[in-house]
C-alpha cells in the first residue's frame, strides 16, 4: 500500500536527453541492479562535470509493456539528463525523451511500493479516460532515500499522454 501520494497532474515537458545504460532482463525489486547501472553512468558522467547541472534529473525509462513482454525480455534505460549534443561512448547511450504532455504522479514511497504507485497511475488513466501514448514512461527520482528520515523514495512517475 502506498504511504504518501501527492496529486496526479498533466505537465508539459521540453525535449530532454538521457545519458544512460540499458539492461535487458528482469529488474523488478532488484535494487542492486539499479545501483550498479546508475553507478556505471555516474562514473562516466562525473569526470565530465555533467552531474553539476542544476536541472539534472535521475531517470529510469521503461521501454516495454510489462503486460505483453516477458520479464526476461524487458528493456530499461537508467541514467541522467544531459545537454543536447553530449558525446557518449562505449556502453553509455544517448536517448531523447520527447517533448510533450505527460501525466505525472508524485509519490513518496518505500522501495517495495513502486508497483503500487504504477498501479495507481494506470488506474488513474483508466478511470479518467486518459489516452496514454504508451511509448514514453519513466520514473524521475527526486531524492536520495538514504537521507530521508523514513528511507522513502520521492519519485515522479511520468507517462506520455
N, C-alpha and C. Protein backbone atom coordinates (compact mmCIF):
# COMPACT_ATOMS: atom_id res chain seq x y z
N UNK A 1 0.83 -1.19 0.00
CA UNK A 1 0.00 0.00 0.00
C UNK A 1 0.88 1.25 0.00
N UNK A 2 0.53 2.21 -0.81
CA UNK A 2 1.31 3.44 -0.92
C UNK A 2 1.09 4.28 0.33
N UNK A 3 2.19 4.78 0.89
CA UNK A 3 2.08 5.55 2.12
C UNK A 3 1.77 7.02 1.88
N UNK A 4 2.31 7.62 0.82
CA UNK A 4 2.06 9.03 0.54
C UNK A 4 1.99 9.27 -0.96
N UNK A 5 0.96 9.99 -1.38
CA UNK A 5 0.83 10.38 -2.79
C UNK A 5 0.44 11.84 -2.83
N UNK A 6 1.06 12.59 -3.71
CA UNK A 6 0.54 13.93 -3.95
C UNK A 6 -0.35 13.83 -5.19
N UNK A 7 -0.71 14.96 -5.73
CA UNK A 7 -1.66 14.92 -6.84
C UNK A 7 -1.07 14.29 -8.09
N UNK A 8 -1.96 13.83 -8.93
CA UNK A 8 -1.60 13.38 -10.27
C UNK A 8 -2.08 14.47 -11.21
N UNK A 9 -1.19 14.91 -12.11
CA UNK A 9 -1.48 16.07 -12.94
C UNK A 9 -0.87 15.89 -14.32
N UNK A 10 -1.23 16.77 -15.25
CA UNK A 10 -0.60 16.79 -16.57
C UNK A 10 0.38 17.96 -16.61
N UNK A 11 1.61 17.67 -17.06
CA UNK A 11 2.64 18.70 -17.23
C UNK A 11 3.18 18.62 -18.65
N UNK A 12 3.65 19.76 -19.14
CA UNK A 12 4.31 19.81 -20.44
C UNK A 12 5.81 19.90 -20.22
N UNK A 13 6.54 18.98 -20.83
CA UNK A 13 8.00 18.95 -20.69
C UNK A 13 8.67 19.24 -22.02
N UNK A 14 9.83 19.90 -21.97
CA UNK A 14 10.61 20.09 -23.19
C UNK A 14 11.32 18.79 -23.57
N UNK A 15 11.86 18.76 -24.76
CA UNK A 15 12.69 17.62 -25.18
C UNK A 15 13.91 17.59 -24.26
N UNK A 16 14.27 16.38 -23.83
CA UNK A 16 15.45 16.20 -22.97
C UNK A 16 16.26 15.04 -23.49
N UNK A 17 17.50 14.96 -23.02
CA UNK A 17 18.40 13.89 -23.44
C UNK A 17 18.91 13.15 -22.21
N UNK A 18 18.99 11.83 -22.33
CA UNK A 18 19.38 10.96 -21.23
C UNK A 18 20.64 10.21 -21.62
N UNK A 19 21.72 10.43 -20.85
CA UNK A 19 22.91 9.59 -20.97
C UNK A 19 22.64 8.38 -20.08
N UNK A 20 22.69 7.19 -20.66
CA UNK A 20 22.18 6.03 -19.93
C UNK A 20 22.88 4.74 -20.33
N UNK A 21 22.64 3.74 -19.51
CA UNK A 21 22.97 2.36 -19.87
C UNK A 21 21.66 1.60 -19.93
N UNK A 22 21.63 0.60 -20.78
CA UNK A 22 20.41 -0.20 -20.93
C UNK A 22 20.62 -1.58 -20.33
N UNK A 23 19.52 -2.15 -19.88
CA UNK A 23 19.53 -3.50 -19.34
C UNK A 23 18.33 -4.25 -19.92
N UNK A 24 18.57 -5.44 -20.39
CA UNK A 24 17.50 -6.32 -20.85
C UNK A 24 17.42 -7.47 -19.87
N UNK A 25 16.23 -7.66 -19.31
CA UNK A 25 16.04 -8.76 -18.37
C UNK A 25 15.25 -8.32 -17.16
N UNK A 26 15.05 -9.23 -16.26
CA UNK A 26 14.26 -8.99 -15.05
C UNK A 26 14.92 -7.90 -14.21
N UNK A 27 14.12 -6.95 -13.76
CA UNK A 27 14.64 -5.84 -12.96
C UNK A 27 13.79 -5.56 -11.71
N UNK A 28 12.56 -6.02 -11.69
CA UNK A 28 11.64 -5.66 -10.60
C UNK A 28 12.20 -6.11 -9.25
N UNK A 29 12.31 -5.14 -8.34
CA UNK A 29 12.77 -5.42 -6.99
C UNK A 29 14.27 -5.62 -6.86
N UNK A 30 15.02 -5.48 -7.94
CA UNK A 30 16.46 -5.72 -7.91
C UNK A 30 17.20 -4.40 -7.68
N UNK A 31 17.23 -3.96 -6.42
CA UNK A 31 17.87 -2.68 -6.10
C UNK A 31 19.36 -2.71 -6.42
N UNK A 32 20.00 -3.86 -6.28
CA UNK A 32 21.44 -3.96 -6.60
C UNK A 32 21.68 -3.70 -8.09
N UNK A 33 20.79 -4.18 -8.95
CA UNK A 33 20.91 -3.93 -10.38
C UNK A 33 20.82 -2.43 -10.67
N UNK A 34 19.81 -1.77 -10.12
CA UNK A 34 19.65 -0.33 -10.36
C UNK A 34 20.86 0.44 -9.84
N UNK A 35 21.35 0.07 -8.67
CA UNK A 35 22.52 0.75 -8.11
C UNK A 35 23.73 0.56 -9.03
N UNK A 36 23.92 -0.64 -9.53
CA UNK A 36 25.04 -0.94 -10.43
C UNK A 36 24.93 -0.12 -11.72
N UNK A 37 23.73 -0.06 -12.30
CA UNK A 37 23.52 0.68 -13.54
C UNK A 37 23.74 2.18 -13.34
N UNK A 38 23.15 2.74 -12.27
CA UNK A 38 23.33 4.17 -12.02
C UNK A 38 24.80 4.50 -11.74
N UNK A 39 25.49 3.62 -11.01
CA UNK A 39 26.90 3.85 -10.72
C UNK A 39 27.73 3.87 -12.00
N UNK A 40 27.40 3.00 -12.93
CA UNK A 40 28.13 2.96 -14.21
C UNK A 40 28.01 4.29 -14.95
N UNK A 41 26.79 4.84 -15.01
CA UNK A 41 26.59 6.11 -15.70
C UNK A 41 27.23 7.25 -14.90
N UNK A 42 27.09 7.21 -13.58
CA UNK A 42 27.68 8.24 -12.72
C UNK A 42 29.19 8.28 -12.89
N UNK A 43 29.82 7.12 -12.91
CA UNK A 43 31.28 7.06 -13.06
C UNK A 43 31.73 7.63 -14.41
N UNK A 44 30.88 7.52 -15.42
CA UNK A 44 31.18 8.10 -16.73
C UNK A 44 30.93 9.61 -16.73
N UNK A 45 29.82 10.06 -16.11
CA UNK A 45 29.39 11.46 -16.19
C UNK A 45 30.14 12.38 -15.24
N UNK A 46 30.51 11.89 -14.09
CA UNK A 46 31.11 12.75 -13.06
C UNK A 46 32.40 13.43 -13.52
N UNK A 47 33.36 12.71 -14.11
CA UNK A 47 34.59 13.39 -14.53
C UNK A 47 34.37 14.43 -15.64
N UNK A 48 33.24 14.33 -16.32
CA UNK A 48 32.92 15.29 -17.39
C UNK A 48 32.17 16.51 -16.85
N UNK A 49 31.90 16.53 -15.54
CA UNK A 49 31.18 17.64 -14.93
C UNK A 49 29.70 17.66 -15.21
N UNK A 50 29.17 16.56 -15.76
CA UNK A 50 27.76 16.53 -16.17
C UNK A 50 26.79 16.43 -14.99
N UNK A 51 27.28 16.02 -13.83
CA UNK A 51 26.39 15.87 -12.68
C UNK A 51 26.22 17.18 -11.91
N UNK A 52 26.93 18.22 -12.33
CA UNK A 52 26.86 19.52 -11.65
C UNK A 52 25.74 20.40 -12.19
N UNK A 53 25.05 19.95 -13.21
CA UNK A 53 23.96 20.69 -13.84
C UNK A 53 22.79 20.81 -12.86
N UNK A 54 22.31 22.03 -12.64
CA UNK A 54 21.22 22.24 -11.67
C UNK A 54 19.89 21.67 -12.13
N UNK A 55 19.74 21.39 -13.43
CA UNK A 55 18.49 20.82 -13.93
C UNK A 55 18.60 19.31 -14.13
N UNK A 56 19.66 18.71 -13.63
CA UNK A 56 19.89 17.27 -13.77
C UNK A 56 18.72 16.47 -13.21
N UNK A 57 18.30 15.46 -13.96
CA UNK A 57 17.30 14.51 -13.46
C UNK A 57 17.90 13.12 -13.51
N UNK A 58 17.55 12.33 -12.53
CA UNK A 58 17.93 10.92 -12.48
C UNK A 58 16.70 10.13 -12.91
N UNK A 59 16.84 9.32 -13.97
CA UNK A 59 15.66 8.75 -14.63
C UNK A 59 15.86 7.28 -14.97
N UNK A 60 14.77 6.52 -14.88
CA UNK A 60 14.70 5.18 -15.46
C UNK A 60 13.54 5.17 -16.46
N UNK A 61 13.85 4.83 -17.71
CA UNK A 61 12.83 4.69 -18.75
C UNK A 61 12.47 3.21 -18.88
N UNK A 62 11.18 2.94 -18.94
CA UNK A 62 10.67 1.58 -19.14
C UNK A 62 10.19 1.48 -20.58
N UNK A 63 10.87 0.66 -21.38
CA UNK A 63 10.61 0.62 -22.82
C UNK A 63 9.49 -0.34 -23.22
N UNK A 64 9.14 -1.28 -22.36
CA UNK A 64 8.23 -2.35 -22.75
C UNK A 64 6.98 -2.37 -21.88
N UNK A 65 5.89 -2.84 -22.45
CA UNK A 65 4.64 -3.06 -21.73
C UNK A 65 4.80 -4.35 -20.93
N UNK A 66 4.80 -4.22 -19.61
CA UNK A 66 5.02 -5.39 -18.75
C UNK A 66 3.89 -6.40 -18.86
N UNK A 67 2.75 -5.99 -19.40
CA UNK A 67 1.65 -6.93 -19.59
C UNK A 67 1.78 -7.74 -20.87
N UNK A 68 2.72 -7.36 -21.73
CA UNK A 68 2.88 -8.02 -23.03
C UNK A 68 4.24 -8.71 -23.16
N UNK A 69 5.29 -8.01 -22.78
CA UNK A 69 6.66 -8.51 -22.96
C UNK A 69 7.08 -9.30 -21.72
N UNK A 70 7.57 -10.53 -21.89
CA UNK A 70 8.03 -11.32 -20.74
C UNK A 70 9.13 -10.57 -19.97
N UNK A 71 9.13 -10.73 -18.63
CA UNK A 71 10.09 -10.01 -17.77
C UNK A 71 11.52 -10.14 -18.25
N UNK A 72 11.91 -11.34 -18.66
CA UNK A 72 13.31 -11.58 -19.04
C UNK A 72 13.69 -10.89 -20.35
N UNK A 73 12.70 -10.30 -21.06
CA UNK A 73 12.97 -9.61 -22.32
C UNK A 73 12.74 -8.10 -22.23
N UNK A 74 12.37 -7.61 -21.05
CA UNK A 74 12.06 -6.19 -20.90
C UNK A 74 13.33 -5.35 -20.82
N UNK A 75 13.27 -4.17 -21.46
CA UNK A 75 14.42 -3.26 -21.50
C UNK A 75 14.14 -2.02 -20.67
N UNK A 76 15.14 -1.63 -19.88
CA UNK A 76 15.11 -0.36 -19.16
C UNK A 76 16.36 0.43 -19.53
N UNK A 77 16.25 1.75 -19.44
CA UNK A 77 17.40 2.64 -19.62
C UNK A 77 17.51 3.48 -18.35
N UNK A 78 18.70 3.51 -17.77
CA UNK A 78 18.94 4.14 -16.48
C UNK A 78 20.03 5.19 -16.65
N UNK A 79 19.76 6.43 -16.21
CA UNK A 79 20.80 7.43 -16.34
C UNK A 79 20.41 8.81 -15.87
N UNK A 80 21.09 9.81 -16.45
CA UNK A 80 20.95 11.21 -16.05
C UNK A 80 20.70 12.08 -17.27
N UNK A 81 19.88 13.12 -17.09
CA UNK A 81 19.68 14.05 -18.19
C UNK A 81 20.97 14.84 -18.40
N UNK A 82 21.26 15.11 -19.68
CA UNK A 82 22.48 15.82 -20.07
C UNK A 82 22.14 16.82 -21.18
N UNK A 83 23.02 17.77 -21.43
CA UNK A 83 22.76 18.72 -22.51
C UNK A 83 22.73 18.03 -23.88
N UNK A 84 21.91 18.60 -24.77
CA UNK A 84 21.87 18.11 -26.14
C UNK A 84 23.28 18.17 -26.74
N UNK A 85 23.63 17.17 -27.51
CA UNK A 85 24.94 17.14 -28.15
C UNK A 85 26.03 16.50 -27.31
N UNK A 86 25.69 16.07 -26.10
CA UNK A 86 26.68 15.39 -25.26
C UNK A 86 27.20 14.16 -26.00
N UNK A 87 28.51 14.01 -26.04
CA UNK A 87 29.14 12.87 -26.72
C UNK A 87 29.21 11.69 -25.75
N UNK A 88 28.76 10.54 -26.20
CA UNK A 88 28.79 9.33 -25.38
C UNK A 88 29.66 8.29 -26.07
N UNK A 89 30.08 7.30 -25.30
CA UNK A 89 30.89 6.23 -25.87
C UNK A 89 30.68 4.94 -25.09
N UNK A 90 31.11 3.84 -25.70
CA UNK A 90 31.03 2.54 -25.05
C UNK A 90 29.60 2.13 -24.76
N UNK A 91 29.38 1.67 -23.53
CA UNK A 91 28.05 1.22 -23.11
C UNK A 91 27.08 2.37 -22.84
N UNK A 92 27.59 3.59 -22.77
CA UNK A 92 26.73 4.74 -22.49
C UNK A 92 26.04 5.15 -23.79
N UNK A 93 24.73 5.26 -23.73
CA UNK A 93 23.91 5.64 -24.89
C UNK A 93 23.29 7.01 -24.62
N UNK A 94 22.88 7.69 -25.68
CA UNK A 94 22.17 8.96 -25.56
C UNK A 94 20.78 8.77 -26.14
N UNK A 95 19.76 8.91 -25.30
CA UNK A 95 18.37 8.76 -25.73
C UNK A 95 17.66 10.10 -25.64
N UNK A 96 16.73 10.32 -26.54
CA UNK A 96 15.90 11.51 -26.49
C UNK A 96 14.60 11.18 -25.76
N UNK A 97 14.26 12.02 -24.79
CA UNK A 97 12.94 11.95 -24.14
C UNK A 97 12.10 13.02 -24.84
N UNK A 98 11.08 12.61 -25.59
CA UNK A 98 10.33 13.58 -26.42
C UNK A 98 9.63 14.65 -25.59
N UNK A 99 9.55 15.85 -26.18
CA UNK A 99 8.76 16.92 -25.56
C UNK A 99 7.30 16.54 -25.66
N UNK A 100 6.49 17.11 -24.79
CA UNK A 100 5.07 16.86 -24.88
C UNK A 100 4.40 16.87 -23.53
N UNK A 101 3.14 16.44 -23.53
CA UNK A 101 2.35 16.37 -22.31
C UNK A 101 2.55 15.01 -21.65
N UNK A 102 2.73 15.07 -20.34
CA UNK A 102 2.93 13.86 -19.55
C UNK A 102 2.01 13.87 -18.34
N UNK A 103 1.42 12.73 -18.07
CA UNK A 103 0.71 12.53 -16.82
C UNK A 103 1.78 12.28 -15.77
N UNK A 104 1.77 13.06 -14.69
CA UNK A 104 2.82 12.97 -13.67
C UNK A 104 2.18 12.71 -12.32
N UNK A 105 2.62 11.67 -11.67
CA UNK A 105 2.21 11.38 -10.30
C UNK A 105 3.43 11.44 -9.41
N UNK A 106 3.36 12.25 -8.35
CA UNK A 106 4.46 12.35 -7.40
C UNK A 106 4.13 11.46 -6.21
N UNK A 107 5.07 10.59 -5.88
CA UNK A 107 4.87 9.62 -4.80
C UNK A 107 6.03 9.69 -3.82
N UNK A 108 5.72 9.49 -2.55
CA UNK A 108 6.72 9.34 -1.50
C UNK A 108 6.51 7.93 -0.96
N UNK A 109 7.39 7.01 -1.37
CA UNK A 109 7.13 5.58 -1.17
C UNK A 109 8.36 4.84 -0.67
N UNK A 110 8.11 3.68 -0.13
CA UNK A 110 9.19 2.76 0.20
C UNK A 110 9.60 2.02 -1.07
N UNK A 111 10.77 1.43 -1.07
CA UNK A 111 11.25 0.74 -2.27
C UNK A 111 10.34 -0.40 -2.69
N UNK A 112 9.57 -0.93 -1.76
CA UNK A 112 8.66 -2.04 -2.06
C UNK A 112 7.32 -1.58 -2.64
N UNK A 113 7.12 -0.26 -2.76
CA UNK A 113 5.82 0.27 -3.18
C UNK A 113 5.79 0.80 -4.61
N UNK A 114 6.85 0.59 -5.38
CA UNK A 114 6.85 1.09 -6.76
C UNK A 114 5.72 0.47 -7.59
N UNK A 115 5.50 -0.81 -7.45
CA UNK A 115 4.42 -1.47 -8.19
C UNK A 115 3.07 -0.87 -7.87
N UNK A 116 2.83 -0.58 -6.59
CA UNK A 116 1.57 0.04 -6.18
C UNK A 116 1.42 1.43 -6.79
N UNK A 117 2.52 2.18 -6.84
CA UNK A 117 2.48 3.53 -7.42
C UNK A 117 2.14 3.46 -8.91
N UNK A 118 2.77 2.52 -9.64
CA UNK A 118 2.45 2.36 -11.06
C UNK A 118 1.00 1.93 -11.25
N UNK A 119 0.51 1.04 -10.38
CA UNK A 119 -0.90 0.62 -10.46
C UNK A 119 -1.83 1.81 -10.26
N UNK A 120 -1.48 2.70 -9.32
CA UNK A 120 -2.30 3.88 -9.09
C UNK A 120 -2.33 4.77 -10.35
N UNK A 121 -1.20 4.90 -11.01
CA UNK A 121 -1.16 5.69 -12.26
C UNK A 121 -2.03 5.04 -13.33
N UNK A 122 -1.92 3.73 -13.49
CA UNK A 122 -2.70 3.02 -14.51
C UNK A 122 -4.20 3.13 -14.21
N UNK A 123 -4.57 3.02 -12.93
CA UNK A 123 -5.97 3.18 -12.54
C UNK A 123 -6.47 4.59 -12.89
N UNK A 124 -5.63 5.58 -12.63
CA UNK A 124 -5.99 6.97 -12.94
C UNK A 124 -6.24 7.13 -14.43
N UNK A 125 -5.39 6.53 -15.25
CA UNK A 125 -5.55 6.60 -16.71
C UNK A 125 -6.87 5.96 -17.13
N UNK A 126 -7.14 4.77 -16.60
CA UNK A 126 -8.36 4.05 -16.97
C UNK A 126 -9.61 4.77 -16.51
N UNK A 127 -9.63 5.21 -15.25
CA UNK A 127 -10.82 5.86 -14.69
C UNK A 127 -11.03 7.26 -15.26
N UNK A 128 -9.94 7.93 -15.64
CA UNK A 128 -10.04 9.29 -16.16
C UNK A 128 -10.21 9.34 -17.65
N UNK A 129 -10.31 8.16 -18.27
CA UNK A 129 -10.47 8.10 -19.72
C UNK A 129 -9.36 8.87 -20.44
N UNK A 130 -8.15 8.73 -19.92
CA UNK A 130 -6.99 9.42 -20.48
C UNK A 130 -6.32 8.48 -21.47
N UNK A 131 -5.91 9.01 -22.60
CA UNK A 131 -5.24 8.19 -23.60
C UNK A 131 -3.73 8.28 -23.38
N UNK A 132 -3.16 7.21 -22.84
CA UNK A 132 -1.72 7.14 -22.68
C UNK A 132 -1.12 6.75 -24.02
N UNK A 133 -0.07 7.45 -24.42
CA UNK A 133 0.60 7.10 -25.68
C UNK A 133 1.40 5.82 -25.53
N UNK A 134 1.77 5.49 -24.28
CA UNK A 134 2.42 4.22 -24.01
C UNK A 134 3.84 4.11 -24.51
N UNK A 135 4.32 5.12 -25.26
CA UNK A 135 5.66 4.97 -25.81
C UNK A 135 6.75 5.57 -24.93
N UNK A 136 6.40 6.45 -24.01
CA UNK A 136 7.39 7.01 -23.10
C UNK A 136 6.84 6.98 -21.68
N UNK A 137 7.42 6.11 -20.87
CA UNK A 137 7.04 6.00 -19.47
C UNK A 137 8.33 5.91 -18.66
N UNK A 138 8.41 6.74 -17.63
CA UNK A 138 9.65 6.74 -16.85
C UNK A 138 9.42 7.20 -15.42
N UNK A 139 10.43 6.95 -14.61
CA UNK A 139 10.48 7.44 -13.24
C UNK A 139 11.58 8.48 -13.15
N UNK A 140 11.29 9.60 -12.49
CA UNK A 140 12.27 10.65 -12.24
C UNK A 140 12.43 10.76 -10.73
N UNK A 141 13.63 10.46 -10.25
CA UNK A 141 13.89 10.36 -8.81
C UNK A 141 14.29 11.72 -8.26
N UNK A 142 13.66 12.11 -7.15
CA UNK A 142 13.82 13.45 -6.60
C UNK A 142 14.66 13.52 -5.33
N UNK A 143 15.07 12.38 -4.79
CA UNK A 143 15.86 12.42 -3.56
C UNK A 143 16.75 11.18 -3.47
N UNK A 144 17.62 11.21 -2.49
CA UNK A 144 18.41 10.03 -2.12
C UNK A 144 17.70 9.43 -0.91
N UNK A 145 17.07 8.26 -1.07
CA UNK A 145 16.29 7.70 0.04
C UNK A 145 17.13 7.42 1.29
N UNK A 146 18.44 7.32 1.13
CA UNK A 146 19.30 7.09 2.31
C UNK A 146 19.31 8.31 3.22
N UNK A 147 18.93 9.48 2.69
CA UNK A 147 18.91 10.70 3.51
C UNK A 147 17.50 11.04 4.01
N UNK A 148 16.50 10.28 3.59
CA UNK A 148 15.12 10.51 4.03
C UNK A 148 14.95 9.90 5.42
N UNK A 149 14.29 10.61 6.35
CA UNK A 149 14.15 10.08 7.71
C UNK A 149 13.46 8.72 7.79
N UNK A 150 12.60 8.41 6.82
CA UNK A 150 11.91 7.12 6.80
C UNK A 150 12.43 6.22 5.68
N UNK A 151 13.51 6.62 5.02
CA UNK A 151 14.07 5.82 3.93
C UNK A 151 13.19 5.78 2.69
N UNK A 152 12.34 6.79 2.54
CA UNK A 152 11.40 6.79 1.41
C UNK A 152 12.02 7.40 0.16
N UNK A 153 11.47 6.97 -0.96
CA UNK A 153 11.85 7.48 -2.28
C UNK A 153 10.81 8.51 -2.69
N UNK A 154 11.25 9.67 -3.13
CA UNK A 154 10.35 10.66 -3.71
C UNK A 154 10.56 10.56 -5.22
N UNK A 155 9.49 10.21 -5.92
CA UNK A 155 9.62 9.90 -7.35
C UNK A 155 8.42 10.44 -8.11
N UNK A 156 8.70 10.96 -9.30
CA UNK A 156 7.65 11.30 -10.25
C UNK A 156 7.54 10.16 -11.25
N UNK A 157 6.35 9.62 -11.40
CA UNK A 157 6.10 8.64 -12.46
C UNK A 157 5.45 9.41 -13.60
N UNK A 158 6.04 9.31 -14.78
CA UNK A 158 5.63 10.13 -15.92
C UNK A 158 5.24 9.24 -17.10
N UNK A 159 4.09 9.56 -17.70
CA UNK A 159 3.59 8.80 -18.85
C UNK A 159 3.15 9.79 -19.92
N UNK A 160 3.65 9.61 -21.15
CA UNK A 160 3.25 10.48 -22.25
C UNK A 160 1.75 10.31 -22.51
N UNK A 161 1.05 11.46 -22.64
CA UNK A 161 -0.39 11.44 -22.93
C UNK A 161 -0.70 12.37 -24.09
